[in-house]
C-alpha cells in the first residue's frame, strides 16, 4: 500500500521560514521539531526560498538588460538610417 504524502500549505511554509529567520539561538532542527516536521524538510524549504529569490533578482536584471539592449538597437538603427540618407545625398550630388 502506498503511503500518502503529507502536504503543507504555503502559509505553513512561510511561518516555518519566518521562525527559522528569527530563531535567535535556536537551530533549524529545533524549529523543525517544534513544528513537527523533519529538519531536512525545513532545509529544503529554505533552499527553495533562497533559489527563488536568486531567480527573482536575476529576472529583474535581465529585464533591465533587455530594455538597455532595445534602446541601444534603436540608437544603432537611427545611426544607420542617417548614414544611408547621407550616402544617398552624396551620390545624388555627384551626378
C-alpha atoms as a PDB file:
ATOM      1  CA  UNK A   1       0.000   0.000   0.000  1.00  0.00           C
ATOM      2  CA  UNK A   2       1.300   3.450  -0.912  1.00  0.00           C
ATOM      3  CA  UNK A   3       1.857   5.968   1.803  1.00  0.00           C
ATOM      4  CA  UNK A   4       0.110   9.250   1.248  1.00  0.00           C
ATOM      5  CA  UNK A   5       2.442  12.196   1.276  1.00  0.00           C
ATOM      6  CA  UNK A   6       1.525  14.985   3.661  1.00  0.00           C
ATOM      7  CA  UNK A   7       1.108  18.381   2.024  1.00  0.00           C
ATOM      8  CA  UNK A   8       1.883  21.633   3.799  1.00  0.00           C
ATOM      9  CA  UNK A   9       0.302  24.940   2.865  1.00  0.00           C
ATOM     10  CA  UNK A  10       2.352  27.862   1.615  1.00  0.00           C
ATOM     11  CA  UNK A  11       1.312  29.752   4.737  1.00  0.00           C
ATOM     12  CA  UNK A  12       2.720  26.974   6.950  1.00  0.00           C
ATOM     13  CA  UNK A  13       5.983  27.022   4.986  1.00  0.00           C
ATOM     14  CA  UNK A  14       6.173  30.819   5.255  1.00  0.00           C
ATOM     15  CA  UNK A  15       5.655  30.625   9.010  1.00  0.00           C
ATOM     16  CA  UNK A  16       8.395  27.992   9.223  1.00  0.00           C
ATOM     17  CA  UNK A  17      10.780  30.235   7.271  1.00  0.00           C
ATOM     18  CA  UNK A  18       9.906  33.184   9.494  1.00  0.00           C
ATOM     19  CA  UNK A  19      10.672  31.033  12.550  1.00  0.00           C
ATOM     20  CA  UNK A  20      14.000  29.985  11.036  1.00  0.00           C
ATOM     21  CA  UNK A  21      14.974  33.576  10.227  1.00  0.00           C
ATOM     22  CA  UNK A  22      14.034  34.883  13.679  1.00  0.00           C
ATOM     23  CA  UNK A  23      15.171  31.819  15.559  1.00  0.00           C
ATOM     24  CA  UNK A  24      17.898  33.586  17.551  1.00  0.00           C
ATOM     25  CA  UNK A  25      19.800  30.806  19.306  1.00  0.00           C
ATOM     26  CA  UNK A  26      17.526  28.011  18.029  1.00  0.00           C
ATOM     27  CA  UNK A  27      18.723  25.715  15.274  1.00  0.00           C
ATOM     28  CA  UNK A  28      16.745  24.621  12.233  1.00  0.00           C
ATOM     29  CA  UNK A  29      16.411  21.200  13.845  1.00  0.00           C
ATOM     30  CA  UNK A  30      14.813  22.771  16.929  1.00  0.00           C
ATOM     31  CA  UNK A  31      12.433  24.846  14.813  1.00  0.00           C
ATOM     32  CA  UNK A  32      11.518  21.746  12.779  1.00  0.00           C
ATOM     33  CA  UNK A  33      10.911  19.699  15.937  1.00  0.00           C
ATOM     34  CA  UNK A  34       8.669  22.459  17.276  1.00  0.00           C
ATOM     35  CA  UNK A  35       6.636  22.378  14.065  1.00  0.00           C
ATOM     36  CA  UNK A  36       6.520  18.598  13.954  1.00  0.00           C
ATOM     37  CA  UNK A  37       8.379  18.220  10.640  1.00  0.00           C
ATOM     38  CA  UNK A  38      11.802  16.876   9.737  1.00  0.00           C
ATOM     39  CA  UNK A  39      14.773  19.201   9.673  1.00  0.00           C
ATOM     40  CA  UNK A  40      15.605  18.053   6.101  1.00  0.00           C
ATOM     41  CA  UNK A  41      12.190  19.290   5.013  1.00  0.00           C
ATOM     42  CA  UNK A  42      12.798  22.717   6.570  1.00  0.00           C
ATOM     43  CA  UNK A  43      16.244  22.822   4.931  1.00  0.00           C
ATOM     44  CA  UNK A  44      14.698  22.066   1.539  1.00  0.00           C
ATOM     45  CA  UNK A  45      12.072  24.788   2.020  1.00  0.00           C
ATOM     46  CA  UNK A  46      14.820  27.233   2.963  1.00  0.00           C
ATOM     47  CA  UNK A  47      16.948  26.395  -0.084  1.00  0.00           C
ATOM     48  CA  UNK A  48      13.878  26.674  -2.331  1.00  0.00           C
ATOM     49  CA  UNK A  49      13.143  30.152  -0.975  1.00  0.00           C
ATOM     50  CA  UNK A  50      16.793  31.116  -1.484  1.00  0.00           C
ATOM     51  CA  UNK A  51      16.779  29.806  -5.070  1.00  0.00           C
ATOM     52  CA  UNK A  52      13.545  31.603  -5.912  1.00  0.00           C
ATOM     53  CA  UNK A  53      14.962  34.840  -4.537  1.00  0.00           C
ATOM     54  CA  UNK A  54      18.076  34.444  -6.674  1.00  0.00           C
ATOM     55  CA  UNK A  55      15.992  33.825  -9.793  1.00  0.00           C
ATOM     56  CA  UNK A  56      13.822  36.814  -8.984  1.00  0.00           C
ATOM     57  CA  UNK A  57      16.845  39.103  -8.688  1.00  0.00           C
ATOM     58  CA  UNK A  58      18.328  37.734 -11.881  1.00  0.00           C
ATOM     59  CA  UNK A  59      14.998  38.221 -13.643  1.00  0.00           C
ATOM     60  CA  UNK A  60      14.938  41.892 -12.816  1.00  0.00           C
ATOM     61  CA  UNK A  61      18.469  42.423 -14.079  1.00  0.00           C
ATOM     62  CA  UNK A  62      17.612  40.508 -17.254  1.00  0.00           C
ATOM     63  CA  UNK A  63      14.635  42.809 -17.794  1.00  0.00           C
ATOM     64  CA  UNK A  64      16.871  45.832 -17.265  1.00  0.00           C
ATOM     65  CA  UNK A  65      19.438  44.452 -19.704  1.00  0.00           C
ATOM     66  CA  UNK A  66      16.712  43.767 -22.266  1.00  0.00           C
ATOM     67  CA  UNK A  67      15.500  47.371 -22.015  1.00  0.00           C
ATOM     68  CA  UNK A  68      19.089  48.641 -22.365  1.00  0.00           C
ATOM     69  CA  UNK A  69      19.719  46.458 -25.429  1.00  0.00           C
ATOM     70  CA  UNK A  70      16.480  47.591 -27.071  1.00  0.00           C
ATOM     71  CA  UNK A  71      17.470  51.247 -26.560  1.00  0.00           C
ATOM     72  CA  UNK A  72      20.928  50.527 -27.958  1.00  0.00           C
ATOM     73  CA  UNK A  73      19.421  48.774 -31.004  1.00  0.00           C
ATOM     74  CA  UNK A  74      17.156  51.751 -31.662  1.00  0.00           C
ATOM     75  CA  UNK A  75      20.183  54.086 -31.497  1.00  0.00           C
ATOM     76  CA  UNK A  76      22.173  51.924 -33.914  1.00  0.00           C
ATOM     77  CA  UNK A  77      19.255  51.750 -36.357  1.00  0.00           C
ATOM     78  CA  UNK A  78      18.876  55.538 -36.219  1.00  0.00           C
ATOM     79  CA  UNK A  79      22.612  55.992 -36.904  1.00  0.00           C
ATOM     80  CA  UNK A  80      22.414  53.532 -39.818  1.00  0.00           C
ATOM     81  CA  UNK A  81      19.455  55.367 -41.325  1.00  0.00           C
ATOM     82  CA  UNK A  82      21.305  58.698 -41.095  1.00  0.00           C
ATOM     83  CA  UNK A  83      24.329  57.187 -42.856  1.00  0.00           C
ATOM     84  CA  UNK A  84      22.173  55.682 -45.618  1.00  0.00           C
ATOM     85  CA  UNK A  85      20.479  59.034 -46.219  1.00  0.00           C
ATOM     86  CA  UNK A  86      23.768  60.932 -46.241  1.00  0.00           C
ATOM     87  CA  UNK A  87      25.264  58.467 -48.755  1.00  0.00           C
ATOM     88  CA  UNK A  88      22.200  58.957 -50.946  1.00  0.00           C
ATOM     89  CA  UNK A  89      22.705  62.737 -50.807  1.00  0.00           C
ATOM     90  CA  UNK A  90      26.409  62.453 -51.773  1.00  0.00           C
ATOM     91  CA  UNK A  91      25.626  60.100 -54.655  1.00  0.00           C
ATOM     92  CA  UNK A  92      22.920  62.471 -55.900  1.00  0.00           C
ATOM     93  CA  UNK A  93      25.331  65.462 -55.776  1.00  0.00           C
ATOM     94  CA  UNK A  94      27.967  63.656 -57.881  1.00  0.00           C
ATOM     95  CA  UNK A  95      25.542  63.047 -60.730  1.00  0.00           C
END
